[in-house]
Amino acid sequence: MALKSSPLSGNVGAGVFVLFSDVEMALFMYDIFERRGLRRIVLAGCVIVSWLLTADALGCTSAIVSADASASGRPLLWKHRDTSTVDNKVEYVSAGADGGYSYVALFNASDRSLSEAWMGMNEVGFAVMNTASYNIKADNVPERQMDREGYVMTIALRTCRSVDDFERLLDSLPRPMGVEANFGVIDAAGHGAYFETNNDSFVKYDLADADGGVLIRTNYSHSGREGEGYGYVREANAEYLICPVLRGGGKISAEYLTEDVSRSFYHDVRHEDALQGAERWAVDEDFIPRYKSTATIVIEGMRPVEDVSALRREDVVGEYVMWTGLGYPPCAEIVPVWCDVRGVRDDLRGTGPEGTSPMCNEVKRRRGEVFPARRGGNTKYIDLEKLRNAAGTGYLQVLVPRNREIYRVISARRDAGEIHF
């Protein structure tokens, strides 16, 4: 697509560009940055890209865990991402001199300008993610003006320090907001919430009011139209795996979410775990990990502080860890990520061919073994022997112990104060 100068450039100086196919989106983004006193973000070379329909339209499973319910005493923000955009990457975005915060986030590999964050955390302890919702939109806003969740999360990471800041951001966005989503957020004070958000309004579910200190969302909103939306079985799967731990007096860890929940083939309708049966093949339907699952990520925060306004970057960066499994979660390796230019391993970044992540490419290859194309190109069948088998060579058998050791080593170093940037 060709570039042309934006009509905004007369207001902020030369060098501001937008893709001619969506000047409306450029105006939306610029208006928000200007309102929040961050005009220099644009001057610093932020290129606002065309609006593409790349939201998590196929679903996600997610949870927020309070510090009290967490094994580490730190709040957790978990997202198991499902999307047709199979190529994902992780990148660090510097604060520069524009007045916004630096952050690290999950992006689509095709997003060269890093304009749509799908989950991330910033240098002052604010973290955000989303799941698409399908039962709270109540208007005729056309599809071309929707799916703006990634842009909203980018703005939030650049500008928010707290859960309250995010609520104020939602209040300030121009209407229609272009979203139908459940936004999940945590901050360094240990606060957390889901904001079930449509084009005109939102309903907040505070983590402090959650039974057991855990909130779970998939692809419908609890405040929305009853019976509509998607992900009811996946939500029940997650509840089956998470809630008994808490009822039994246990705590939820980041490790449990990525290594147990994101790799579980429990199905709540059938009340069975496909991995525990004798059958080699399972149909890919209503498990938490699905063919379209492209990442499992847990952002583990810090032990809550009273005053987030007094936090400095050095207080936060070594404490927050974004435990990242790129690609199909049952075949993914967990890599710790920090909010620093040195905190993202090169194989997670878009350093591969066509800007893809080498790690994501490798996990895609593994997924191809788990979902071998059958007659007619059908990929609905899961070869469970590729995940667990009598020889002990399945991906779950090989990778999960390795991942657990990563958790053990990195968590011990973090808790000992040995991680500095």
Protein backbone atom coordinates (compact mmCIF):
# COMPACT_ATOMS: atom_id res chain seq x y z
CA MET A 1 0.00 0.00 0.00
CA ALA A 2 1.16 3.49 -0.75
CA LEU A 3 1.82 6.08 1.91
CA LYS A 4 0.70 9.66 1.85
CA SER A 5 1.08 12.57 4.23
CA SER A 6 -1.55 12.82 6.92
CA PRO A 7 -3.68 15.95 7.28
CA LEU A 8 -2.54 15.81 10.89
CA SER A 9 1.02 16.66 9.91
CA GLY A 10 0.25 20.37 9.82
CA ASN A 11 -0.53 20.19 13.52
CA VAL A 12 2.45 18.18 14.72
CA GLY A 13 5.16 18.75 12.15
CA ALA A 14 6.52 16.91 9.13
CA GLY A 15 7.09 13.19 9.00
CA VAL A 16 3.71 11.89 10.11
CA PHE A 17 2.30 9.31 7.74
CA VAL A 18 -0.72 7.07 7.53
CA LEU A 19 -1.71 4.40 5.06
CA PHE A 20 -4.15 6.02 2.70
CA SER A 21 -6.58 3.13 3.15
CA ASP A 22 -7.54 4.20 6.67
CA VAL A 23 -7.17 7.86 7.53
CA GLU A 24 -10.06 7.36 9.98
CA MET A 25 -7.92 5.02 12.08
CA ALA A 26 -5.04 7.48 12.04
CA LEU A 27 -7.33 10.20 13.35
CA PHE A 28 -8.61 7.87 16.08
CA MET A 29 -5.09 6.97 17.26
CA TYR A 30 -3.78 10.51 17.04
CA ASP A 31 -6.74 11.90 18.95
CA ILE A 32 -6.12 9.51 21.85
CA PHE A 33 -2.40 10.20 22.04
CA GLU A 34 -3.03 13.94 21.88
CA ARG A 35 -5.66 13.80 24.63
CA ARG A 36 -3.20 11.98 26.87
CA GLY A 37 -0.41 14.48 26.28
CA LEU A 38 1.65 12.18 24.08
CA ARG A 39 1.79 14.04 20.77
CA ARG A 40 5.51 13.38 20.60
CA ILE A 41 4.83 9.67 20.15
CA VAL A 42 3.74 10.53 16.64
CA LEU A 43 6.69 12.86 16.10
CA ALA A 44 9.03 10.14 17.32
CA GLY A 45 8.16 8.14 14.22
CA CYS A 46 5.13 6.12 15.20
CA VAL A 47 3.64 5.05 11.86
CA ILE A 48 -0.06 4.41 12.14
CA VAL A 49 -0.92 1.47 9.95
CA SER A 50 -4.04 0.49 8.10
CA TRP A 51 -6.81 -1.19 10.02
CA LEU A 52 -6.75 -4.93 9.41
CA LEU A 53 -9.32 -7.38 10.72
CA THR A 54 -6.82 -9.27 12.85
CA ALA A 55 -8.56 -9.44 16.21
CA ASP A 56 -8.75 -12.69 18.15
CA ALA A 57 -11.93 -13.49 16.25
CA LEU A 58 -11.67 -17.21 16.92
CA GLY A 59 -11.49 -16.96 20.67
CA CYS A 60 -9.21 -17.13 23.69
CA THR A 61 -9.30 -18.57 27.19
CA SER A 62 -8.05 -16.35 30.01
CA ALA A 63 -7.89 -15.77 33.75
CA ILE A 64 -6.82 -13.24 36.35
CA VAL A 65 -5.49 -14.58 39.65
CA SER A 66 -5.16 -12.38 42.72
CA ALA A 67 -1.98 -12.18 44.77
CA ASP A 68 -3.74 -14.01 47.62
CA ALA A 69 -4.72 -16.90 45.33
CA SER A 70 -1.30 -17.05 43.66
CA ALA A 71 1.43 -19.46 44.77
CA SER A 72 4.04 -16.69 44.53
CA GLY A 73 2.00 -13.97 46.23
CA ARG A 74 2.03 -12.09 42.93
CA PRO A 75 -1.03 -11.46 40.71
CA LEU A 76 -1.24 -13.41 37.47
CA LEU A 77 -2.68 -12.46 34.08
CA TRP A 78 -3.10 -15.47 31.76
CA LYS A 79 -4.12 -15.58 28.13
CA HIS A 80 -4.32 -18.68 25.97
CA ARG A 81 -4.58 -17.05 22.56
CA ASP A 82 -6.66 -18.50 19.73
CA THR A 83 -6.53 -16.73 16.39
CA SER A 84 -6.33 -17.39 12.67
CA THR A 85 -3.14 -15.30 12.66
CA VAL A 86 -0.81 -18.19 13.37
CA ASP A 87 2.47 -16.23 13.23
CA ASN A 88 3.09 -14.37 16.50
CA LYS A 89 6.15 -12.63 17.93
CA VAL A 90 7.21 -10.76 21.06
CA GLU A 91 8.84 -7.33 20.85
CA TYR A 92 10.05 -4.62 23.19
CA VAL A 93 8.91 -1.07 22.44
CA SER A 94 11.10 1.66 23.91
CA ALA A 95 9.67 4.69 25.64
CA GLY A 96 12.09 6.98 23.84
CA ALA A 97 11.54 10.69 24.47
CA ASP A 98 7.81 10.77 23.77
CA GLY A 99 6.57 10.74 27.35
CA GLY A 100 4.93 7.29 27.14
CA TYR A 101 6.01 4.13 28.94
CA SER A 102 8.14 1.39 27.42
CA TYR A 103 6.50 -2.01 27.17
CA VAL A 104 6.87 -5.56 25.91
CA ALA A 105 4.01 -7.30 24.13
CA LEU A 106 2.73 -10.07 21.92
CA PHE A 107 2.19 -9.00 18.31
CA ASN A 108 1.17 -10.55 15.02
CA ALA A 109 4.31 -11.23 12.98
CA SER A 110 2.91 -9.14 10.13
CA ASP A 111 2.65 -6.08 12.38
CA ARG A 112 5.92 -4.43 11.37
CA SER A 113 5.01 -1.11 13.02
CA LEU A 114 4.03 -2.81 16.33
CA SER A 115 0.73 -0.97 16.43
CA GLU A 116 -1.53 -3.76 17.78
CA ALA A 117 -0.52 -5.35 21.09
CA TRP A 118 -2.44 -8.53 21.96
CA MET A 119 -1.05 -8.88 25.48
CA GLY A 120 1.71 -7.04 27.28
CA MET A 121 3.19 -5.29 30.29
CA ASN A 122 4.89 -1.95 30.73
CA GLU A 123 7.77 -0.59 32.80
CA VAL A 124 5.55 0.68 35.63
CA GLY A 125 3.71 -2.58 36.28
CA PHE A 126 0.55 -2.25 34.23
CA ALA A 127 -0.42 -5.32 32.18
CA VAL A 128 -3.31 -5.96 29.81
CA MET A 129 -4.81 -8.65 27.60
CA ASN A 130 -8.15 -9.37 25.94
CA THR A 131 -10.54 -12.01 24.79
CA ALA A 132 -13.00 -11.33 22.00
CA SER A 133 -16.65 -11.25 23.08
CA TYR A 134 -19.66 -12.02 20.94
CA ASN A 135 -22.67 -11.08 23.06
CA ILE A 136 -22.38 -7.42 24.11
CA LYS A 137 -22.41 -5.45 20.84
CA ALA A 138 -25.79 -3.76 20.51
CA ASP A 139 -25.47 -1.42 17.54
CA ASN A 140 -25.03 -1.29 13.77
CA VAL A 141 -21.42 -0.13 13.70
CA PRO A 142 -19.97 -1.76 10.54
CA GLU A 143 -17.31 -4.46 10.79
CA ARG A 144 -14.68 -2.24 9.15
CA GLN A 145 -14.84 0.01 12.22
CA MET A 146 -14.54 -2.89 14.68
CA ASP A 147 -11.73 -5.12 16.00
CA ARG A 148 -9.76 -2.23 17.50
CA GLU A 149 -8.80 -4.07 20.69
CA GLY A 150 -5.14 -4.31 19.73
CA TYR A 151 -4.89 -0.56 19.24
CA VAL A 152 -6.65 0.14 22.54
CA MET A 153 -4.19 -2.14 24.35
CA THR A 154 -1.26 -0.38 22.67
CA ILE A 155 -2.53 2.95 23.95
CA ALA A 156 -3.04 1.46 27.40
CA LEU A 157 0.49 0.06 27.61
CA ARG A 158 1.89 3.41 26.53
CA THR A 159 -0.16 5.47 28.97
CA CYS A 160 -1.54 3.47 31.92
CA ARG A 161 0.03 2.87 35.31
CA SER A 162 -2.95 1.32 37.11
CA VAL A 163 -6.30 -0.42 36.72
CA ASP A 164 -7.95 2.93 37.47
CA ASP A 165 -5.95 4.53 34.63
CA PHE A 166 -7.33 1.92 32.25
CA GLU A 167 -10.87 2.64 33.38
CA ARG A 168 -10.29 6.34 32.75
CA LEU A 169 -8.89 5.50 29.31
CA LEU A 170 -12.04 3.58 28.38
CA ASP A 171 -14.12 6.52 29.59
CA SER A 172 -12.12 8.89 27.38
CA LEU A 173 -12.10 6.94 24.11
CA PRO A 174 -14.21 8.40 21.30
CA ARG A 175 -17.42 6.50 20.56
CA PRO A 176 -17.92 4.10 18.95
CA MET A 177 -14.81 2.50 20.44
CA GLY A 178 -14.69 -0.24 17.81
CA VAL A 179 -14.42 -3.07 20.33
CA GLU A 180 -16.42 -6.00 21.65
CA ALA A 181 -14.10 -7.58 24.18
CA ASN A 182 -13.26 -8.60 27.71
CA PHE A 183 -10.13 -6.65 28.67
CA GLY A 184 -8.17 -8.11 31.59
CA VAL A 185 -5.74 -5.90 33.52
CA ILE A 186 -3.51 -5.99 36.61
CA ASP A 187 -1.20 -3.44 38.23
CA ALA A 188 1.61 -3.27 40.79
CA ALA A 189 -0.81 -2.60 43.65
CA GLY A 190 -2.23 -6.07 43.11
CA HIS A 191 -5.46 -4.76 41.65
CA GLY A 192 -7.08 -6.58 38.77
CA ALA A 193 -10.27 -6.48 36.75
CA TYR A 194 -12.06 -7.51 33.61
CA PHE A 195 -13.73 -4.74 31.63
CA GLU A 196 -16.46 -6.18 29.43
CA THR A 197 -16.49 -3.51 26.77
CA ASN A 198 -18.58 -2.68 23.71
CA ASN A 199 -18.68 0.37 21.46
CA ASP A 200 -20.36 2.66 23.96
CA SER A 201 -19.85 1.35 27.49
CA PHE A 202 -18.25 -1.22 29.75
CA VAL A 203 -18.97 -3.27 32.87
CA LYS A 204 -16.14 -3.74 35.37
CA TYR A 205 -15.62 -7.01 37.28
CA ASP A 206 -13.21 -6.31 40.11
CA LEU A 207 -10.79 -9.07 41.13
CA ALA A 208 -11.29 -8.05 44.76
CA ASP A 209 -14.89 -9.27 44.53
CA ALA A 210 -14.07 -12.58 42.81
CA ASP A 211 -14.89 -15.85 44.53
CA GLY A 212 -11.59 -17.47 45.45
CA GLY A 213 -9.62 -14.59 43.96
CA VAL A 214 -9.91 -15.81 40.36
CA LEU A 215 -11.81 -14.49 37.34
CA ILE A 216 -12.09 -16.50 34.11
CA ARG A 217 -13.28 -15.34 30.69
CA THR A 218 -13.52 -16.87 27.22
CA ASN A 219 -15.53 -15.49 24.31
CA TYR A 220 -18.68 -14.17 25.86
CA SER A 221 -19.27 -11.51 28.46
CA HIS A 222 -21.02 -12.29 31.75
CA SER A 223 -22.85 -8.97 31.47
CA GLY A 224 -24.01 -9.74 27.93
CA ARG A 225 -26.97 -11.50 26.36
CA GLU A 226 -27.48 -14.86 27.99
CA GLY A 227 -26.75 -17.90 25.83
CA GLU A 228 -24.94 -15.96 23.10
CA GLY A 229 -21.24 -15.91 22.39
CA TYR A 230 -18.69 -18.72 22.44
CA GLY A 231 -16.36 -20.56 24.77
CA TYR A 232 -18.81 -21.87 27.37
CA VAL A 233 -17.24 -25.32 27.36
CA ARG A 234 -13.70 -23.91 27.44
CA GLU A 235 -14.65 -21.75 30.42
CA ALA A 236 -16.05 -24.82 32.16
CA ASN A 237 -12.84 -26.70 31.34
CA ALA A 238 -10.77 -23.94 32.93
CA GLU A 239 -13.00 -23.83 36.01
CA TYR A 240 -12.69 -27.62 36.38
CA LEU A 241 -8.90 -27.35 36.32
CA ILE A 242 -8.47 -24.20 38.43
CA CYS A 243 -11.23 -24.06 41.03
CA PRO A 244 -10.63 -27.41 42.78
CA VAL A 245 -7.03 -26.36 43.46
CA LEU A 246 -8.28 -23.33 45.36
CA ARG A 247 -11.09 -25.19 47.13
CA GLY A 248 -8.49 -27.69 48.33
CA GLY A 249 -6.45 -24.95 49.94
CA GLY A 250 -3.89 -24.75 47.15
CA LYS A 251 -2.64 -21.80 45.15
CA ILE A 252 -2.43 -21.16 41.40
CA SER A 253 0.98 -20.64 39.80
CA ALA A 254 2.00 -19.30 36.41
CA GLU A 255 3.51 -22.73 35.79
CA TYR A 256 0.19 -24.43 36.44
CA LEU A 257 -1.59 -22.23 33.92
CA THR A 258 0.86 -22.84 31.04
CA GLU A 259 1.93 -26.41 31.80
CA ASP A 260 -1.35 -27.89 33.04
CA VAL A 261 -4.30 -25.78 31.94
CA SER A 262 -3.03 -24.76 28.48
CA ARG A 263 -1.94 -28.36 27.78
CA SER A 264 -5.02 -30.11 29.13
CA PHE A 265 -7.39 -32.08 26.91
CA TYR A 266 -10.13 -32.29 29.50
CA HIS A 267 -13.59 -31.84 27.97
CA ASP A 268 -16.34 -30.74 30.35
CA VAL A 269 -19.26 -32.03 28.27
CA ARG A 270 -17.80 -35.54 28.08
CA HIS A 271 -16.26 -35.29 31.58
CA GLU A 272 -13.08 -36.95 30.39
CA ASP A 273 -9.50 -36.14 29.49
CA ALA A 274 -8.66 -37.34 25.98
CA LEU A 275 -5.03 -37.88 26.98
CA GLN A 276 -6.05 -40.38 29.64
CA GLY A 277 -8.01 -42.60 27.26
CA ALA A 278 -6.93 -45.45 25.01
CA GLU A 279 -7.77 -43.72 21.73
CA ARG A 280 -4.98 -42.36 19.55
CA TRP A 281 -7.12 -39.77 17.76
CA ALA A 282 -9.30 -36.98 19.14
CA VAL A 283 -11.47 -34.44 17.34
CA ASP A 284 -10.33 -30.84 17.81
CA GLU A 285 -13.41 -29.32 19.43
CA ASP A 286 -13.89 -27.37 22.68
CA PHE A 287 -10.57 -28.22 24.29
CA ILE A 288 -8.62 -25.27 25.71
CA PRO A 289 -5.73 -25.98 23.29
CA ARG A 290 -7.07 -25.90 19.73
CA TYR A 291 -5.63 -25.93 16.23
CA LYS A 292 -5.97 -22.13 16.23
CA SER A 293 -4.16 -21.73 19.57
CA THR A 294 -1.07 -19.62 18.97
CA ALA A 295 0.32 -18.78 22.42
CA THR A 296 0.01 -19.32 26.14
CA ILE A 297 1.31 -16.41 28.21
CA VAL A 298 1.21 -15.56 31.89
CA ILE A 299 2.29 -12.15 33.15
CA GLU A 300 3.38 -12.59 36.75
CA GLY A 301 3.47 -9.30 38.60
CA MET A 302 5.15 -8.20 41.80
CA ARG A 303 4.13 -8.50 45.41
CA PRO A 304 1.59 -5.69 45.75
CA VAL A 305 2.71 -2.23 46.78
CA GLU A 306 0.55 0.47 48.32
CA ASP A 307 1.43 3.36 46.03
CA VAL A 308 2.03 2.65 42.34
CA SER A 309 2.67 6.34 41.66
CA ALA A 310 5.97 6.13 43.53
CA LEU A 311 7.28 3.12 41.63
CA ARG A 312 10.35 3.55 39.48
CA ARG A 313 11.29 1.49 36.45
CA GLU A 314 14.08 -0.24 38.38
CA ASP A 315 11.55 -1.32 41.02
CA VAL A 316 9.44 -3.14 38.45
CA VAL A 317 11.43 -4.52 35.52
CA GLY A 318 13.27 -7.30 37.35
CA GLU A 319 10.11 -8.33 39.22
CA TYR A 320 7.60 -8.71 36.38
CA VAL A 321 8.02 -11.80 34.20
CA MET A 322 6.04 -12.56 31.05
CA TRP A 323 6.21 -16.35 30.85
CA THR A 324 5.82 -16.92 27.12
CA GLY A 325 4.97 -20.03 25.13
CA LEU A 326 4.75 -19.10 21.45
CA GLY A 327 2.86 -21.30 19.06
CA TYR A 328 0.51 -24.23 19.69
CA PRO A 329 0.71 -24.51 23.50
CA PRO A 330 1.04 -28.32 23.85
CA CYS A 331 4.20 -28.06 21.74
CA ALA A 332 5.53 -24.78 23.16
CA GLU A 333 8.66 -24.02 25.14
CA ILE A 334 8.36 -21.48 27.95
CA VAL A 335 10.69 -18.49 27.72
CA PRO A 336 10.84 -15.74 30.37
CA VAL A 337 10.50 -12.18 29.03
CA TRP A 338 11.21 -8.89 30.80
CA CYS A 339 10.33 -5.30 29.95
CA ASP A 340 13.76 -4.31 28.69
CA VAL A 341 15.53 -4.20 25.33
CA ARG A 342 17.66 -7.11 26.61
CA GLY A 343 14.65 -8.89 28.03
CA VAL A 344 13.35 -10.53 24.84
CA ARG A 345 15.22 -13.49 23.40
CA ASP A 346 15.96 -13.17 19.69
CA ASP A 347 14.11 -16.34 18.71
CA LEU A 348 10.87 -14.86 20.10
CA ARG A 349 11.27 -11.68 18.05
CA GLY A 350 10.42 -11.16 14.38
CA THR A 351 13.94 -12.03 13.28
CA GLY A 352 13.03 -14.91 10.96
CA PRO A 353 11.99 -14.98 7.31
CA GLU A 354 9.29 -12.42 6.50
CA GLY A 355 9.48 -11.06 10.04
CA THR A 356 8.35 -14.23 11.76
CA SER A 357 9.64 -15.60 15.06
CA PRO A 358 12.05 -18.57 14.75
CA MET A 359 10.55 -20.07 17.90
CA CYS A 360 7.02 -19.73 16.54
CA ASN A 361 8.12 -21.30 13.26
CA GLU A 362 9.53 -24.32 15.08
CA VAL A 363 6.38 -24.81 17.13
CA LYS A 364 4.28 -24.52 13.97
CA ARG A 365 6.31 -27.41 12.56
CA ARG A 366 5.57 -29.47 15.66
CA ARG A 367 1.88 -28.62 15.41
CA GLY A 368 1.94 -30.01 11.87
CA GLU A 369 2.88 -33.40 13.34
CA VAL A 370 0.09 -33.25 15.92
CA PHE A 371 -2.48 -32.28 13.26
CA PRO A 372 -1.39 -34.27 10.20
CA ALA A 373 -3.38 -33.31 7.12
CA ARG A 374 -5.66 -36.20 6.29
CA ARG A 375 -7.65 -36.96 3.15
CA GLY A 376 -9.08 -33.74 1.77
CA GLY A 377 -6.70 -31.62 3.84
CA ASN A 378 -8.71 -32.17 7.04
CA THR A 379 -6.77 -31.04 10.14
CA LYS A 380 -9.54 -31.61 12.71
CA TYR A 381 -7.94 -34.76 14.09
CA ILE A 382 -5.34 -34.65 16.87
CA ASP A 383 -2.69 -37.38 16.93
CA LEU A 384 -2.42 -37.76 20.70
CA GLU A 385 0.57 -40.10 20.39
CA LYS A 386 2.63 -37.12 19.24
CA LEU A 387 1.89 -35.53 22.60
CA ARG A 388 2.13 -38.54 24.93
CA ASN A 389 3.14 -42.12 24.17
CA ALA A 390 4.55 -45.28 25.72
CA ALA A 391 8.06 -44.49 24.55
CA GLY A 392 8.03 -41.19 26.48
CA THR A 393 8.87 -39.16 23.37
CA GLY A 394 5.69 -37.08 23.09
CA TYR A 395 6.01 -33.32 23.10
CA LEU A 396 4.28 -33.02 26.46
CA GLN A 397 6.61 -35.60 27.96
CA VAL A 398 9.73 -33.90 26.64
CA LEU A 399 8.86 -30.22 26.96
CA VAL A 400 6.89 -29.94 30.19
CA PRO A 401 9.74 -31.13 32.48
CA ARG A 402 12.09 -28.75 30.71
CA ASN A 403 9.64 -25.89 31.12
CA ARG A 404 9.14 -26.63 34.81
CA GLU A 405 12.89 -26.37 35.32
CA ILE A 406 12.88 -22.96 33.60
CA TYR A 407 10.20 -21.82 36.02
CA ARG A 408 12.18 -23.11 39.00
CA VAL A 409 15.48 -21.50 38.03
CA ILE A 410 14.15 -18.12 36.90
CA SER A 411 11.70 -17.77 39.81
CA ALA A 412 14.49 -18.51 42.30
CA ARG A 413 16.75 -15.91 40.68
CA ARG A 414 13.98 -13.32 40.64
CA ASP A 415 13.05 -13.94 44.27
CA ALA A 416 16.69 -13.64 45.26
CA GLY A 417 16.88 -10.24 43.56
CA GLU A 418 19.41 -11.45 41.01
CA ILE A 419 17.65 -10.16 37.87
CA HIS A 420 18.64 -6.62 36.93
CA PHE A 421 18.37 -4.51 33.79
